[in-house]
Amino acid sequence: MATSTITQLFDLSGKVALVTGGSKGIGEAISRRLSEAGAAVLIADLDATAGEALAQELRQKERKAQFVRADASSAEDAEKAVGQALQAFGRLDILVNNAGIFPFSPVLVTDEKLWDRVLDTNLKGPFFYAQAGAKAMQKTGGGSIVNVASIDGLHPTGALAHYDASKGGLIMLTRSLAFELAAIGVRVNSISPGGINTPGAAVATSAMLPSGAPLDKVLESFSARIPMKRMGNPDEIACAALFLATPASSYVTGSNVVVDGGYLLA
């Protein structure tokens, strides 16, 4: 049986990737790693300033990259983003459903508007992006879809019932998509990050703290409960996404990769 070299296993030359929420935090790290591996990357985000800047930076490194302003919760924008990938690069091989929101809100005060916004962004959107992406991938023999879920889909944190429901649903959606799309050569997997140091996480955590409460002390307390005694960084999630997007994971589908420093073990 022929075997591939390590370089070949992680080579994405000639492949095209679409990353939602791809301009900042975990999404930015994923965009960078896929680009480094040789993929043309379409960065989909609502932040046009950050998205255009990242695409331009990647192009200056003689890599293929473009930005599209697209809402991760919109089925219409899913079609638009996939269409732009096809128009710009001719195909789509990799979709990373990374965009997500996690506004803290206790059960007794969460209203319908907030519930719908979180579920639309974190669960409905990934389904329609996957649907549009899989249709494009089918035309070229298959591809890989990676959904960024959360350990909150496996264990509640508190004041995040809406978020936890969306991420638990995303993990099961991943399995359902994997089961159905294997027939057309599309692999579907998810990543469940634990605590990751990102600007978005810092803002969300700060918003739930009493006025004047030190964020660094809260993060130190959280880190103390992690067996590895530290928060993760975005690139550690990006490396997991890179594995799931490349031939290195050619026989992996329907899996949920937990990247949490051992938090769930504790």
Protein backbone atom coordinates (compact mmCIF):
# COMPACT_ATOMS: atom_id res chain seq x y z
CA MET A 1 0.00 0.00 0.00
CA ALA A 2 1.41 3.38 -1.01
CA THR A 3 2.07 5.82 1.81
CA SER A 4 2.32 9.58 1.82
CA THR A 5 5.09 11.64 3.34
CA ILE A 6 4.40 13.92 6.30
CA THR A 7 4.61 16.89 3.95
CA GLN A 8 2.05 15.37 1.59
CA LEU A 9 -0.32 14.52 4.44
CA PHE A 10 -0.54 18.16 5.47
CA ASP A 11 -0.32 19.73 2.02
CA LEU A 12 -3.36 21.76 0.93
CA SER A 13 -1.90 23.10 -2.30
CA GLY A 14 -4.64 23.53 -4.88
CA LYS A 15 -7.37 23.32 -2.26
CA VAL A 16 -9.84 26.06 -1.37
CA ALA A 17 -11.08 26.81 2.16
CA LEU A 18 -13.91 28.96 3.49
CA VAL A 19 -13.65 30.03 7.14
CA THR A 20 -16.56 31.75 8.89
CA GLY A 21 -15.60 34.25 11.55
CA GLY A 22 -12.21 33.95 9.92
CA SER A 23 -10.74 37.37 10.66
CA LYS A 24 -10.13 37.28 14.42
CA GLY A 25 -9.38 34.95 17.31
CA ILE A 26 -9.65 31.24 16.58
CA GLY A 27 -10.93 31.94 13.06
CA GLU A 28 -7.92 34.07 12.23
CA ALA A 29 -5.56 31.36 13.48
CA ILE A 30 -7.36 28.77 11.35
CA SER A 31 -7.24 31.00 8.27
CA ARG A 32 -3.50 31.46 8.77
CA ARG A 33 -2.75 27.76 9.20
CA LEU A 34 -4.82 26.65 6.21
CA SER A 35 -3.15 29.34 4.13
CA GLU A 36 0.29 28.27 5.32
CA ALA A 37 -0.52 24.71 4.24
CA GLY A 38 -1.17 26.00 0.73
CA ALA A 39 -4.94 26.48 0.56
CA ALA A 40 -6.60 29.47 -1.03
CA VAL A 41 -8.66 30.97 1.80
CA LEU A 42 -11.91 32.89 1.67
CA ILE A 43 -12.34 34.74 4.96
CA ALA A 44 -16.04 35.22 5.78
CA ASP A 45 -16.85 37.70 8.52
CA LEU A 46 -18.94 40.72 9.42
CA ASP A 47 -15.83 42.72 10.34
CA ALA A 48 -14.75 43.99 6.93
CA THR A 49 -11.79 45.97 8.29
CA ALA A 50 -10.18 42.98 10.01
CA GLY A 51 -11.12 40.59 7.22
CA GLU A 52 -9.71 42.71 4.42
CA ALA A 53 -6.54 43.37 6.41
CA LEU A 54 -5.92 39.66 6.99
CA ALA A 55 -6.61 38.79 3.34
CA GLN A 56 -4.21 41.49 2.20
CA GLU A 57 -1.53 40.29 4.63
CA LEU A 58 -1.81 36.74 3.29
CA ARG A 59 -1.64 37.97 -0.32
CA GLN A 60 1.52 39.90 0.51
CA LYS A 61 3.02 36.53 1.44
CA GLU A 62 2.15 35.39 -2.10
CA ARG A 63 -0.78 33.29 -0.93
CA LYS A 64 -4.31 33.27 -2.32
CA ALA A 65 -6.83 34.94 -0.02
CA GLN A 66 -10.00 36.99 -0.28
CA PHE A 67 -12.57 38.43 2.10
CA VAL A 68 -16.35 38.26 1.89
CA ARG A 69 -18.71 40.07 4.23
CA ALA A 70 -21.12 37.36 5.31
CA ASP A 71 -23.38 36.70 8.27
CA ALA A 72 -22.76 33.27 9.82
CA SER A 73 -26.42 32.97 10.81
CA SER A 74 -27.82 33.55 7.32
CA ALA A 75 -28.72 30.80 4.84
CA GLU A 76 -28.68 33.42 2.09
CA ASP A 77 -25.17 34.53 3.04
CA ALA A 78 -24.06 30.89 3.13
CA GLU A 79 -24.99 30.61 -0.54
CA LYS A 80 -23.28 33.94 -1.23
CA ALA A 81 -20.03 32.97 0.50
CA VAL A 82 -19.81 29.57 -1.19
CA GLY A 83 -20.63 31.23 -4.51
CA GLN A 84 -17.79 33.71 -4.04
CA ALA A 85 -15.36 30.88 -3.24
CA LEU A 86 -16.34 29.19 -6.49
CA GLN A 87 -16.12 32.41 -8.46
CA ALA A 88 -12.76 33.44 -7.01
CA PHE A 89 -11.00 30.10 -6.81
CA GLY A 90 -13.06 27.66 -8.90
CA ARG A 91 -13.90 25.11 -6.22
CA LEU A 92 -14.45 24.47 -2.51
CA ASP A 93 -12.69 21.71 -0.57
CA ILE A 94 -12.75 22.84 3.06
CA LEU A 95 -15.39 24.61 5.13
CA VAL A 96 -14.72 25.66 8.70
CA ASN A 97 -17.83 26.74 10.59
CA ASN A 98 -15.98 28.73 13.21
CA ALA A 99 -18.16 31.79 13.87
CA GLY A 100 -20.07 31.71 17.14
CA ILE A 101 -21.35 33.92 19.93
CA PHE A 102 -21.59 33.29 23.67
CA PRO A 103 -23.33 36.12 25.54
CA PHE A 104 -23.67 35.15 29.20
CA SER A 105 -27.30 35.13 30.36
CA PRO A 106 -28.89 33.23 33.28
CA VAL A 107 -31.86 30.99 32.46
CA LEU A 108 -34.39 33.16 34.29
CA VAL A 109 -33.59 36.30 32.30
CA THR A 110 -32.80 34.90 28.83
CA ASP A 111 -35.40 36.16 26.37
CA GLU A 112 -36.57 34.80 23.04
CA LYS A 113 -34.60 37.34 21.01
CA LEU A 114 -31.28 36.33 22.61
CA TRP A 115 -32.10 32.62 22.36
CA ASP A 116 -32.85 32.94 18.65
CA ARG A 117 -29.73 35.01 17.95
CA VAL A 118 -27.45 32.45 19.61
CA LEU A 119 -29.11 29.39 18.03
CA ASP A 120 -29.23 31.05 14.60
CA THR A 121 -25.52 31.87 14.68
CA ASN A 122 -24.20 28.75 16.37
CA LEU A 123 -26.46 26.03 14.96
CA LYS A 124 -28.75 27.10 12.13
CA GLY A 125 -25.97 28.91 10.27
CA PRO A 126 -23.50 26.00 10.33
CA PHE A 127 -26.18 23.72 8.89
CA PHE A 128 -26.86 25.97 5.90
CA TYR A 129 -23.17 26.70 5.31
CA ALA A 130 -22.55 22.94 5.40
CA GLN A 131 -25.43 22.34 3.01
CA ALA A 132 -24.14 24.91 0.52
CA GLY A 133 -20.55 23.78 0.99
CA ALA A 134 -21.34 20.08 0.52
CA LYS A 135 -23.15 20.78 -2.75
CA ALA A 136 -20.02 22.50 -4.07
CA MET A 137 -17.70 19.77 -2.74
CA GLN A 138 -19.78 17.04 -4.37
CA LYS A 139 -18.89 18.44 -7.79
CA THR A 140 -15.17 17.92 -7.21
CA GLY A 141 -15.24 14.56 -5.41
CA GLY A 142 -15.65 15.57 -1.78
CA GLY A 143 -14.03 17.63 0.94
CA SER A 144 -13.89 18.32 4.64
CA ILE A 145 -16.21 20.28 6.92
CA VAL A 146 -14.99 21.27 10.37
CA ASN A 147 -17.42 22.65 12.94
CA VAL A 148 -16.04 24.53 15.92
CA ALA A 149 -18.20 23.45 18.86
CA SER A 150 -17.25 23.76 22.55
CA ILE A 151 -16.75 21.72 25.69
CA ASP A 152 -19.94 23.50 26.79
CA GLY A 153 -21.71 21.15 24.41
CA LEU A 154 -20.58 18.36 26.73
CA HIS A 155 -20.57 20.02 30.17
CA PRO A 156 -22.44 23.15 31.32
CA THR A 157 -20.57 26.21 32.56
CA GLY A 158 -23.49 28.21 33.93
CA ALA A 159 -25.41 31.22 32.60
CA LEU A 160 -24.99 29.81 29.09
CA ALA A 161 -27.94 27.44 28.59
CA HIS A 162 -28.64 28.89 25.13
CA TYR A 163 -24.98 28.56 24.10
CA ASP A 164 -24.65 25.08 25.61
CA ALA A 165 -27.76 23.92 23.72
CA SER A 166 -26.39 25.33 20.46
CA LYS A 167 -23.01 23.64 20.84
CA GLY A 168 -24.48 20.33 22.00
CA GLY A 169 -26.69 20.51 18.93
CA LEU A 170 -23.69 21.31 16.74
CA ILE A 171 -21.87 18.19 17.94
CA MET A 172 -24.86 16.02 17.03
CA LEU A 173 -25.35 17.93 13.77
CA THR A 174 -21.74 17.08 12.95
CA ARG A 175 -22.43 13.38 13.41
CA SER A 176 -25.64 13.54 11.36
CA LEU A 177 -23.92 15.38 8.52
CA ALA A 178 -21.00 12.95 8.60
CA PHE A 179 -23.34 9.97 8.38
CA GLU A 180 -25.25 11.37 5.42
CA LEU A 181 -22.48 13.10 3.48
CA ALA A 182 -19.92 10.27 3.56
CA ALA A 183 -21.62 8.88 0.45
CA ILE A 184 -20.50 11.92 -1.56
CA GLY A 185 -16.98 11.99 -0.15
CA VAL A 186 -17.48 14.77 2.40
CA ARG A 187 -16.01 14.24 5.85
CA VAL A 188 -17.50 16.19 8.76
CA ASN A 189 -15.89 16.58 12.18
CA SER A 190 -16.05 18.98 15.10
CA ILE A 191 -13.60 20.51 17.54
CA SER A 192 -14.61 21.31 21.11
CA PRO A 193 -12.26 23.94 22.52
CA GLY A 194 -11.95 24.59 26.23
CA GLY A 195 -10.85 27.95 27.60
CA ILE A 196 -8.99 29.78 24.85
CA ASN A 197 -7.35 33.19 25.18
CA THR A 198 -9.06 35.33 22.56
CA PRO A 199 -10.19 38.98 22.55
CA GLY A 200 -13.79 37.85 22.22
CA ALA A 201 -13.59 35.56 25.23
CA ALA A 202 -12.04 38.34 27.31
CA VAL A 203 -14.82 40.76 26.37
CA ALA A 204 -17.58 38.24 27.11
CA THR A 205 -16.07 37.27 30.45
CA SER A 206 -15.52 40.88 31.47
CA ALA A 207 -19.15 41.70 30.67
CA MET A 208 -20.46 39.20 33.22
CA LEU A 209 -18.16 40.31 36.05
CA PRO A 210 -19.24 42.76 38.75
CA SER A 211 -17.96 46.27 38.13
CA GLY A 212 -14.31 46.54 39.07
CA ALA A 213 -13.73 42.78 39.33
CA PRO A 214 -10.27 41.89 37.96
CA LEU A 215 -10.43 39.76 34.83
CA ASP A 216 -6.94 38.36 35.35
CA LYS A 217 -7.90 36.91 38.73
CA VAL A 218 -10.96 35.21 37.23
CA LEU A 219 -8.85 33.68 34.46
CA GLU A 220 -6.24 32.54 36.99
CA SER A 221 -8.97 30.80 38.97
CA PHE A 222 -10.29 29.09 35.83
CA SER A 223 -6.80 28.03 34.76
CA ALA A 224 -6.19 26.47 38.18
CA ARG A 225 -8.97 23.97 37.43
CA ILE A 226 -7.33 22.87 34.18
CA PRO A 227 -4.93 19.91 34.59
CA MET A 228 -2.43 21.62 32.26
CA LYS A 229 -2.75 24.78 34.42
CA ARG A 230 -3.15 27.21 31.56
CA MET A 231 -5.59 28.54 28.99
CA GLY A 232 -5.19 27.47 25.40
CA ASN A 233 -4.25 29.71 22.52
CA PRO A 234 -6.04 30.06 19.16
CA ASP A 235 -3.28 28.33 17.22
CA GLU A 236 -3.80 25.15 19.26
CA ILE A 237 -7.34 24.99 17.88
CA ALA A 238 -6.09 25.92 14.41
CA CYS A 239 -3.70 22.96 14.42
CA ALA A 240 -6.58 20.61 15.21
CA ALA A 241 -8.57 22.16 12.36
CA LEU A 242 -5.58 21.74 10.04
CA PHE A 243 -5.41 18.03 10.88
CA LEU A 244 -9.13 17.56 10.18
CA ALA A 245 -8.90 19.50 6.90
CA THR A 246 -5.97 17.55 5.46
CA PRO A 247 -5.36 14.03 4.12
CA ALA A 248 -3.78 13.24 7.51
CA SER A 249 -7.33 12.62 8.78
CA SER A 250 -8.61 10.85 5.66
CA TYR A 251 -10.43 8.11 7.63
CA VAL A 252 -11.85 10.40 10.32
CA THR A 253 -15.47 11.51 10.12
CA GLY A 254 -18.20 12.11 12.68
CA SER A 255 -15.63 12.71 15.41
CA ASN A 256 -15.53 15.44 18.05
CA VAL A 257 -11.98 16.41 19.01
CA VAL A 258 -11.78 17.90 22.50
CA VAL A 259 -8.97 20.44 22.89
CA ASP A 260 -9.25 21.66 26.48
CA GLY A 261 -6.00 20.99 28.33
CA GLY A 262 -7.78 18.22 30.22
CA TYR A 263 -10.51 20.44 31.69
CA LEU A 264 -13.27 17.85 31.26
CA LEU A 265 -11.15 15.29 33.08
CA ALA A 266 -11.36 17.42 36.21
